[in-house]
Every structure is written in C-alpha cells, then in structure tokens.
Amino acid sequence: MSIKTTVLTLALLSASAMVAAAPYSAQTRTQYLSDCTQIFEQIPALAASSKEYCSCTLNQLEKRLTEKEFTEGGDAMAKTPASALAQKFNRASDEATEVCQKEVLKL
C-alpha cells in the first residue's frame, strides 16, 4: 500500500468520528505531507487546517511507529488485518487521528 493510501486511511478515520521512533526520512515525510494535504484540501471542513493537521498526524505517527512499520503497515492492514503489525498500525493511526482532531481541528 502506498503512502497515499495510508493517508487516505487516516483521512477516512478523521472524517468519522508508544514507541520512541526516529523521525522518518525526508522522502517519506515529504511524500506523506504532500499526499495528506492534497487529500484534506478537498474536504471543505478541513481544508484550512490541512497543513497543520497533516504535520500533526505525521509527528504523532513518528512517535508510535518506526518508518518501516509506517510504510509497511498499510499493506498489512489490507492483506492481513489480524496481524500484529496491522493492529499496531491501526492503533497508531487511531491515536494520531484522535490527538490531532483535538489539537488542530478542536473536535
């Protein structure tokens, strides 16, 4: 699963209602932020906060998942949703979404 699909998963979680990991590579960060803001700018209620929200979710994911877990987690969700990696990815996504909804979107 691509980073764009991972971002879409986060977008869908946001539209509905800790590992000390290292920062992700510049390439991964740039791709995530680009894909995320592009998706969120298409959602009128979120467009104004898209950059701040996407930065927040990325920072939260970096705290919870290694870069490898992040990039492979979406595939695990699609292929083996009961796997430990898929469950960890889903939990981290939910937690990142929850934090950023409160901090950025004030939901």
N, C-alpha and C. Protein backbone atom coordinates (compact mmCIF):
# COMPACT_ATOMS: atom_id res chain seq x y z
N MET A 1 0.86 -1.18 0.00
CA MET A 1 0.00 0.00 0.00
C MET A 1 0.89 1.22 0.00
N SER A 2 0.53 2.18 -0.77
CA SER A 2 1.33 3.39 -0.89
C SER A 2 1.10 4.33 0.29
N ILE A 3 1.96 5.31 0.41
CA ILE A 3 1.79 6.32 1.44
C ILE A 3 0.47 7.05 1.21
N LYS A 4 0.13 7.27 -0.06
CA LYS A 4 -1.12 7.97 -0.39
C LYS A 4 -2.32 7.18 0.15
N THR A 5 -2.28 5.86 0.05
CA THR A 5 -3.36 5.04 0.57
C THR A 5 -3.38 5.10 2.09
N THR A 6 -2.22 5.14 2.69
CA THR A 6 -2.14 5.28 4.14
C THR A 6 -2.76 6.61 4.58
N VAL A 7 -2.46 7.66 3.84
CA VAL A 7 -3.03 8.97 4.15
C VAL A 7 -4.54 8.93 4.00
N LEU A 8 -5.01 8.28 2.96
CA LEU A 8 -6.45 8.18 2.74
C LEU A 8 -7.10 7.45 3.91
N THR A 9 -6.45 6.42 4.42
CA THR A 9 -6.97 5.71 5.59
C THR A 9 -7.11 6.67 6.76
N LEU A 10 -6.10 7.50 6.99
CA LEU A 10 -6.17 8.49 8.06
C LEU A 10 -7.27 9.52 7.80
N ALA A 11 -7.42 9.90 6.56
CA ALA A 11 -8.46 10.87 6.21
C ALA A 11 -9.83 10.31 6.53
N LEU A 12 -10.04 9.06 6.21
CA LEU A 12 -11.33 8.44 6.47
C LEU A 12 -11.58 8.31 7.98
N LEU A 13 -10.54 7.99 8.72
CA LEU A 13 -10.68 7.92 10.17
C LEU A 13 -11.02 9.29 10.74
N SER A 14 -10.43 10.34 10.19
CA SER A 14 -10.68 11.70 10.67
C SER A 14 -12.07 12.17 10.32
N ALA A 15 -12.54 11.77 9.18
CA ALA A 15 -13.88 12.19 8.76
C ALA A 15 -14.92 11.52 9.65
N SER A 16 -14.66 10.37 10.16
CA SER A 16 -15.51 9.72 11.13
C SER A 16 -15.11 10.19 12.51
N ALA A 17 -15.95 9.83 13.17
CA ALA A 17 -15.76 10.40 14.46
C ALA A 17 -14.28 10.94 14.76
N MET A 18 3.41 3.44 22.56
CA MET A 18 4.41 4.47 22.13
C MET A 18 5.88 4.00 22.19
N VAL A 19 5.86 4.12 20.75
CA VAL A 19 7.27 3.75 20.56
C VAL A 19 8.08 5.03 20.33
N ALA A 20 9.30 5.08 20.90
CA ALA A 20 10.16 6.24 20.65
C ALA A 20 10.83 6.05 19.29
N ALA A 21 10.12 6.28 18.23
CA ALA A 21 10.64 6.08 16.89
C ALA A 21 11.43 7.30 16.44
N ALA A 22 12.33 7.08 15.50
CA ALA A 22 13.12 8.18 14.94
C ALA A 22 12.30 8.90 13.88
N PRO A 23 12.63 10.15 13.62
CA PRO A 23 11.94 10.86 12.53
C PRO A 23 12.10 10.09 11.22
N TYR A 24 11.09 10.17 10.38
CA TYR A 24 11.13 9.49 9.09
C TYR A 24 12.06 10.23 8.15
N SER A 25 12.47 9.55 7.10
CA SER A 25 13.34 10.15 6.10
C SER A 25 12.65 11.35 5.45
N ALA A 26 13.44 12.23 4.88
CA ALA A 26 12.89 13.40 4.21
C ALA A 26 11.93 12.99 3.09
N GLN A 27 12.26 11.94 2.38
CA GLN A 27 11.41 11.47 1.28
C GLN A 27 10.05 11.02 1.80
N THR A 28 10.04 10.23 2.86
CA THR A 28 8.78 9.75 3.43
C THR A 28 7.97 10.91 3.97
N ARG A 29 8.62 11.82 4.69
CA ARG A 29 7.92 12.98 5.26
C ARG A 29 7.32 13.84 4.15
N THR A 30 8.11 14.15 3.13
CA THR A 30 7.63 14.99 2.04
C THR A 30 6.46 14.34 1.31
N GLN A 31 6.58 13.05 1.03
CA GLN A 31 5.50 12.35 0.32
C GLN A 31 4.23 12.31 1.16
N TYR A 32 4.36 12.01 2.45
CA TYR A 32 3.19 11.96 3.32
C TYR A 32 2.51 13.32 3.39
N LEU A 33 3.29 14.36 3.64
CA LEU A 33 2.71 15.69 3.78
C LEU A 33 2.06 16.17 2.48
N SER A 34 2.67 15.86 1.37
CA SER A 34 2.10 16.23 0.08
C SER A 34 0.78 15.50 -0.17
N ASP A 35 0.79 14.19 0.02
CA ASP A 35 -0.43 13.40 -0.21
C ASP A 35 -1.52 13.77 0.78
N CYS A 36 -1.15 13.95 2.02
CA CYS A 36 -2.13 14.26 3.07
C CYS A 36 -2.79 15.60 2.81
N THR A 37 -1.99 16.63 2.56
CA THR A 37 -2.58 17.96 2.35
C THR A 37 -3.43 17.97 1.08
N GLN A 38 -3.01 17.26 0.07
CA GLN A 38 -3.79 17.19 -1.17
C GLN A 38 -5.17 16.58 -0.90
N ILE A 39 -5.22 15.55 -0.11
CA ILE A 39 -6.50 14.91 0.22
C ILE A 39 -7.34 15.82 1.11
N PHE A 40 -6.74 16.36 2.15
CA PHE A 40 -7.51 17.16 3.11
C PHE A 40 -7.96 18.49 2.53
N GLU A 41 -7.24 19.03 1.58
CA GLU A 41 -7.67 20.28 0.95
C GLU A 41 -8.94 20.09 0.12
N GLN A 42 -9.29 18.86 -0.18
CA GLN A 42 -10.50 18.55 -0.93
C GLN A 42 -11.72 18.40 -0.01
N ILE A 43 -11.50 18.42 1.29
CA ILE A 43 -12.58 18.30 2.26
C ILE A 43 -12.82 19.69 2.83
N PRO A 44 -13.91 20.35 2.42
CA PRO A 44 -14.12 21.76 2.79
C PRO A 44 -13.95 22.06 4.28
N ALA A 45 -14.45 21.21 5.13
CA ALA A 45 -14.37 21.48 6.57
C ALA A 45 -12.95 21.38 7.11
N LEU A 46 -12.06 20.73 6.36
CA LEU A 46 -10.69 20.51 6.83
C LEU A 46 -9.64 21.29 6.04
N ALA A 47 -10.02 21.87 4.92
CA ALA A 47 -9.06 22.48 4.00
C ALA A 47 -8.18 23.53 4.67
N ALA A 48 -8.75 24.40 5.46
CA ALA A 48 -7.99 25.49 6.08
C ALA A 48 -6.93 24.97 7.05
N SER A 49 -7.16 23.83 7.63
CA SER A 49 -6.24 23.26 8.62
C SER A 49 -5.41 22.11 8.07
N SER A 50 -5.45 21.89 6.78
CA SER A 50 -4.84 20.67 6.22
C SER A 50 -3.34 20.55 6.52
N LYS A 51 -2.57 21.61 6.34
CA LYS A 51 -1.12 21.52 6.57
C LYS A 51 -0.81 21.27 8.04
N GLU A 52 -1.50 21.99 8.90
CA GLU A 52 -1.27 21.81 10.34
C GLU A 52 -1.70 20.42 10.79
N TYR A 53 -2.85 19.97 10.30
CA TYR A 53 -3.36 18.65 10.67
C TYR A 53 -2.42 17.55 10.17
N CYS A 54 -1.99 17.65 8.93
CA CYS A 54 -1.10 16.63 8.37
C CYS A 54 0.24 16.60 9.09
N SER A 55 0.77 17.74 9.44
CA SER A 55 2.02 17.78 10.21
C SER A 55 1.82 17.14 11.58
N CYS A 56 0.69 17.42 12.18
CA CYS A 56 0.39 16.83 13.49
C CYS A 56 0.31 15.31 13.40
N THR A 57 -0.44 14.80 12.41
CA THR A 57 -0.57 13.34 12.32
C THR A 57 0.77 12.69 12.02
N LEU A 58 1.57 13.32 11.18
CA LEU A 58 2.89 12.76 10.89
C LEU A 58 3.74 12.72 12.15
N ASN A 59 3.76 13.80 12.91
CA ASN A 59 4.53 13.82 14.16
C ASN A 59 4.05 12.76 15.13
N GLN A 60 2.76 12.58 15.21
CA GLN A 60 2.21 11.57 16.11
C GLN A 60 2.56 10.16 15.65
N LEU A 61 2.50 9.93 14.35
CA LEU A 61 2.86 8.61 13.82
C LEU A 61 4.33 8.31 14.06
N GLU A 62 5.18 9.32 13.91
CA GLU A 62 6.61 9.12 14.16
C GLU A 62 6.88 8.72 15.61
N LYS A 63 6.05 9.14 16.52
CA LYS A 63 6.20 8.78 17.93
C LYS A 63 5.78 7.33 18.19
N ARG A 64 4.94 6.80 17.33
CA ARG A 64 4.33 5.50 17.58
C ARG A 64 4.83 4.37 16.69
N LEU A 65 5.34 4.71 15.52
CA LEU A 65 5.76 3.69 14.55
C LEU A 65 7.14 4.02 13.99
N THR A 66 7.93 2.99 13.79
CA THR A 66 9.17 3.19 13.04
C THR A 66 8.79 3.49 11.59
N GLU A 67 9.73 3.98 10.83
CA GLU A 67 9.43 4.26 9.42
C GLU A 67 9.04 2.98 8.68
N LYS A 68 9.69 1.89 8.99
CA LYS A 68 9.35 0.62 8.35
C LYS A 68 7.93 0.19 8.72
N GLU A 69 7.57 0.31 9.98
CA GLU A 69 6.21 -0.03 10.39
C GLU A 69 5.19 0.86 9.69
N PHE A 70 5.53 2.13 9.55
CA PHE A 70 4.64 3.08 8.89
C PHE A 70 4.44 2.70 7.42
N THR A 71 5.53 2.47 6.71
CA THR A 71 5.43 2.21 5.27
C THR A 71 4.85 0.83 4.98
N GLU A 72 5.06 -0.13 5.86
CA GLU A 72 4.54 -1.48 5.64
C GLU A 72 3.19 -1.72 6.32
N GLY A 73 2.81 -0.83 7.23
CA GLY A 73 1.59 -1.03 7.99
C GLY A 73 0.32 -1.01 7.17
N GLY A 74 0.26 -0.13 6.18
CA GLY A 74 -0.92 -0.07 5.33
C GLY A 74 -1.12 -1.35 4.55
N ASP A 75 -0.03 -1.92 4.03
CA ASP A 75 -0.12 -3.20 3.33
C ASP A 75 -0.61 -4.29 4.26
N ALA A 76 -0.10 -4.28 5.48
CA ALA A 76 -0.52 -5.29 6.45
C ALA A 76 -2.01 -5.16 6.75
N MET A 77 -2.50 -3.93 6.83
CA MET A 77 -3.92 -3.71 7.09
C MET A 77 -4.76 -4.33 5.97
N ALA A 78 -4.33 -4.18 4.74
CA ALA A 78 -5.08 -4.68 3.59
C ALA A 78 -4.98 -6.20 3.44
N LYS A 79 -3.79 -6.73 3.69
CA LYS A 79 -3.55 -8.15 3.42
C LYS A 79 -3.82 -9.06 4.62
N THR A 80 -3.39 -8.63 5.78
CA THR A 80 -3.52 -9.46 6.98
C THR A 80 -3.96 -8.59 8.16
N PRO A 81 -5.23 -8.17 8.18
CA PRO A 81 -5.69 -7.22 9.20
C PRO A 81 -5.55 -7.72 10.64
N ALA A 82 -5.45 -9.02 10.82
CA ALA A 82 -5.31 -9.55 12.18
C ALA A 82 -3.85 -9.64 12.63
N SER A 83 -2.92 -9.32 11.74
CA SER A 83 -1.51 -9.42 12.10
C SER A 83 -1.14 -8.38 13.15
N ALA A 84 -0.06 -8.65 13.86
CA ALA A 84 0.40 -7.73 14.90
C ALA A 84 0.75 -6.37 14.30
N LEU A 85 1.39 -6.35 13.13
CA LEU A 85 1.76 -5.08 12.50
C LEU A 85 0.52 -4.30 12.11
N ALA A 86 -0.45 -4.96 11.52
CA ALA A 86 -1.69 -4.28 11.12
C ALA A 86 -2.40 -3.69 12.34
N GLN A 87 -2.45 -4.44 13.40
CA GLN A 87 -3.10 -3.95 14.62
C GLN A 87 -2.34 -2.77 15.21
N LYS A 88 -1.02 -2.84 15.20
CA LYS A 88 -0.21 -1.73 15.72
C LYS A 88 -0.40 -0.49 14.85
N PHE A 89 -0.39 -0.68 13.53
CA PHE A 89 -0.59 0.43 12.60
C PHE A 89 -1.96 1.06 12.80
N ASN A 90 -2.98 0.25 12.92
CA ASN A 90 -4.34 0.75 13.12
C ASN A 90 -4.46 1.52 14.43
N ARG A 91 -3.88 0.99 15.49
CA ARG A 91 -3.91 1.65 16.80
C ARG A 91 -3.17 2.99 16.74
N ALA A 92 -2.00 3.00 16.10
CA ALA A 92 -1.22 4.25 15.98
C ALA A 92 -1.98 5.28 15.14
N SER A 93 -2.62 4.84 14.08
CA SER A 93 -3.41 5.74 13.23
C SER A 93 -4.58 6.34 14.01
N ASP A 94 -5.26 5.48 14.75
CA ASP A 94 -6.38 5.95 15.57
C ASP A 94 -5.92 6.97 16.60
N GLU A 95 -4.81 6.67 17.27
CA GLU A 95 -4.29 7.57 18.30
C GLU A 95 -3.84 8.90 17.70
N ALA A 96 -3.16 8.86 16.56
CA ALA A 96 -2.70 10.08 15.90
C ALA A 96 -3.89 10.92 15.47
N THR A 97 -4.90 10.27 14.92
CA THR A 97 -6.11 10.97 14.49
C THR A 97 -6.80 11.63 15.67
N GLU A 98 -6.92 10.90 16.76
CA GLU A 98 -7.60 11.43 17.95
C GLU A 98 -6.87 12.66 18.50
N VAL A 99 -5.57 12.56 18.63
CA VAL A 99 -4.78 13.68 19.16
C VAL A 99 -4.93 14.91 18.27
N CYS A 100 -4.79 14.72 16.98
CA CYS A 100 -4.80 15.86 16.05
C CYS A 100 -6.20 16.42 15.84
N GLN A 101 -7.21 15.60 15.96
CA GLN A 101 -8.58 16.13 15.91
C GLN A 101 -8.79 17.09 17.07
N LYS A 102 -8.29 16.74 18.24
CA LYS A 102 -8.44 17.59 19.41
C LYS A 102 -7.57 18.83 19.33
N GLU A 103 -6.28 18.64 18.98
CA GLU A 103 -5.32 19.74 18.99
C GLU A 103 -5.51 20.72 17.84
N VAL A 104 -5.77 20.20 16.65
CA VAL A 104 -5.80 21.05 15.47
C VAL A 104 -7.23 21.40 15.05
N LEU A 105 -8.07 20.39 14.98
CA LEU A 105 -9.43 20.61 14.50
C LEU A 105 -10.40 21.01 15.61
N LYS A 106 -9.94 20.87 16.84
CA LYS A 106 -10.76 21.24 18.02
C LYS A 106 -12.07 20.47 18.06
N LEU A 107 -12.00 19.17 17.69
CA LEU A 107 -13.19 18.31 17.73
C LEU A 107 -13.29 17.59 19.06
